[in-house]
Structures are given as structure tokens and as C-alpha cells.
Amino acid sequence: MNRYVKALNFIKGTLSAFHQRTNSEVPKKETEWLNTLQELTEKATPKEPNFNRGIEIQSWDGDCCSIGYTHDYWSCPNCNSPVNEYQNGCSQCLQALDWGEE
């Protein structure tokens, strides 16, 4: 568990205990902020990219013959945008990437 997750869990626990002790409802704004923190924590927590086995693509070479080829690629586990092993994070959604041990 990384420190973002620990901090988020601490904040959630503290707020929950406060609302239980005071017998009060959780304000809507507080819930929105917690949801935002949850989303940011998930994006900051590195995830393994998805490996996608390419599918055969047919195209024409100008005369009438089709050419088949496959293209394997990696994609973001959050938004499925293509990524490569030189990226520490997705350029589209900013999800942190974990490429494992090198």
C-alpha cells in the first residue's frame, strides 16, 4: 500500500469517526472531495499496462491484392490509449504505469 492510499484511508476513517460521534450526515461537498482524492490516488498508483495481441488488418496495395499484418501493442489500463515502455504514465489520462522489474 503506497502512502497516497494510506493518507486517503486515514482521512476517510477520521471523517467517518467524526460523523459517527457527532451523529451528523456527510456533507455533499465532503463526498465530492473524497471521490476526487480517490480518483487521484488510483491514477497515482502504478498499474501494469495491458498487452494487446494485434488483429489482422486488410488493406489494398493499389492493384487489388490485400495485405494482412498484425500489430501488437501496449495500452493504458485506465483509458486503453496506446503506450510504450518508455512512458512512466499515460499521456491521455495521466495513469501511472508499472512496467515491472527491468
Protein backbone atom coordinates (compact mmCIF):
# COMPACT_ATOMS: atom_id res chain seq x y z
CA MET A 1 0.00 0.00 0.00
CA ASN A 2 1.54 3.31 -1.03
CA ARG A 3 1.45 6.47 1.04
CA TYR A 4 -1.36 8.04 -1.04
CA VAL A 5 -3.62 5.11 -0.20
CA LYS A 6 -2.61 5.27 3.47
CA ALA A 7 -3.34 9.00 3.62
CA LEU A 8 -6.71 8.59 1.87
CA ASN A 9 -7.71 5.76 4.21
CA PHE A 10 -6.70 7.87 7.22
CA ILE A 11 -8.80 10.83 6.02
CA LYS A 12 -11.79 8.57 5.32
CA GLY A 13 -11.50 6.93 8.74
CA THR A 14 -11.16 10.24 10.55
CA LEU A 15 -14.16 11.78 8.80
CA SER A 16 -16.23 8.65 9.32
CA ALA A 17 -15.42 8.61 13.04
CA PHE A 18 -16.26 12.31 13.32
CA HIS A 19 -19.66 11.90 11.66
CA GLN A 20 -20.45 8.85 13.83
CA ARG A 21 -19.51 10.68 17.03
CA THR A 22 -21.46 13.80 16.12
CA ASN A 23 -24.32 11.78 14.62
CA SER A 24 -24.19 14.03 11.54
CA GLU A 25 -24.62 13.42 7.84
CA VAL A 26 -21.66 13.62 5.48
CA PRO A 27 -21.91 16.90 3.50
CA LYS A 28 -22.18 16.56 -0.28
CA LYS A 29 -19.04 18.68 -0.81
CA GLU A 30 -17.05 16.41 1.51
CA THR A 31 -18.13 13.36 -0.51
CA GLU A 32 -17.12 15.09 -3.75
CA TRP A 33 -13.65 15.88 -2.37
CA LEU A 34 -13.19 12.30 -1.15
CA ASN A 35 -14.19 10.98 -4.58
CA THR A 36 -11.67 13.31 -6.22
CA LEU A 37 -8.94 12.15 -3.82
CA GLN A 38 -9.88 8.52 -4.54
CA GLU A 39 -9.56 9.12 -8.30
CA LEU A 40 -6.21 10.89 -7.93
CA THR A 41 -4.92 8.14 -5.65
CA GLU A 42 -5.89 5.46 -8.18
CA LYS A 43 -4.14 7.32 -11.01
CA ALA A 44 -1.02 7.87 -8.91
CA THR A 45 -0.86 4.17 -8.05
CA PRO A 46 1.10 2.49 -10.87
CA LYS A 47 -0.79 -0.19 -12.80
CA GLU A 48 0.51 -2.70 -15.31
CA PRO A 49 -0.24 -1.77 -18.92
CA ASN A 50 -2.38 -4.13 -20.99
CA PHE A 51 -0.71 -6.19 -23.71
CA ASN A 52 -2.87 -6.35 -26.83
CA ARG A 53 -2.31 -9.04 -29.42
CA GLY A 54 -2.74 -7.42 -32.81
CA ILE A 55 -5.53 -8.33 -35.14
CA GLU A 56 -5.10 -8.89 -38.84
CA ILE A 57 -5.72 -5.75 -40.83
CA GLN A 58 -6.56 -5.95 -44.52
CA SER A 59 -5.65 -3.19 -46.92
CA TRP A 60 -5.19 -2.73 -50.65
CA ASP A 61 -1.79 -2.22 -52.26
CA GLY A 62 -3.15 -0.37 -55.28
CA ASP A 63 -3.68 -3.27 -57.69
CA CYS A 64 -6.27 -5.40 -55.92
CA CYS A 65 -4.24 -7.60 -53.64
CA SER A 66 -4.83 -7.49 -49.90
CA ILE A 67 -2.02 -7.44 -47.40
CA GLY A 68 -2.51 -8.89 -43.94
CA TYR A 69 -0.44 -7.91 -40.96
CA THR A 70 -0.68 -7.82 -37.19
CA HIS A 71 0.43 -5.19 -34.77
CA ASP A 72 0.94 -5.99 -31.07
CA TYR A 73 0.84 -3.03 -28.69
CA TRP A 74 0.57 -1.95 -25.05
CA SER A 75 -2.31 0.15 -23.77
CA CYS A 76 -3.19 2.09 -20.64
CA PRO A 77 -5.14 0.00 -18.10
CA ASN A 78 -7.33 3.01 -17.36
CA CYS A 79 -8.27 4.51 -20.77
CA ASN A 80 -6.85 1.98 -23.30
CA SER A 81 -4.73 4.60 -25.08
CA PRO A 82 -1.57 3.16 -26.68
CA VAL A 83 1.56 3.46 -24.51
CA ASN A 84 5.16 2.32 -24.82
CA GLU A 85 7.78 1.05 -22.41
CA TYR A 86 9.47 4.46 -22.26
CA GLN A 87 6.44 6.10 -20.65
CA ASN A 88 6.07 6.26 -16.86
CA GLY A 89 2.47 7.37 -17.28
CA CYS A 90 -0.29 7.60 -19.86
CA SER A 91 -0.20 10.83 -21.84
CA GLN A 92 -4.00 10.85 -22.16
CA CYS A 93 -5.34 10.22 -18.63
CA LEU A 94 -2.09 10.51 -16.58
CA GLN A 95 -2.42 6.99 -15.12
CA ALA A 96 0.92 5.94 -13.59
CA LEU A 97 2.31 2.81 -15.28
CA ASP A 98 4.19 -0.11 -13.74
CA TRP A 99 6.35 -1.94 -16.27
CA GLY A 100 7.60 -4.39 -13.66
CA GLU A 101 11.22 -5.12 -12.93
CA GLU A 102 13.65 -4.49 -15.75
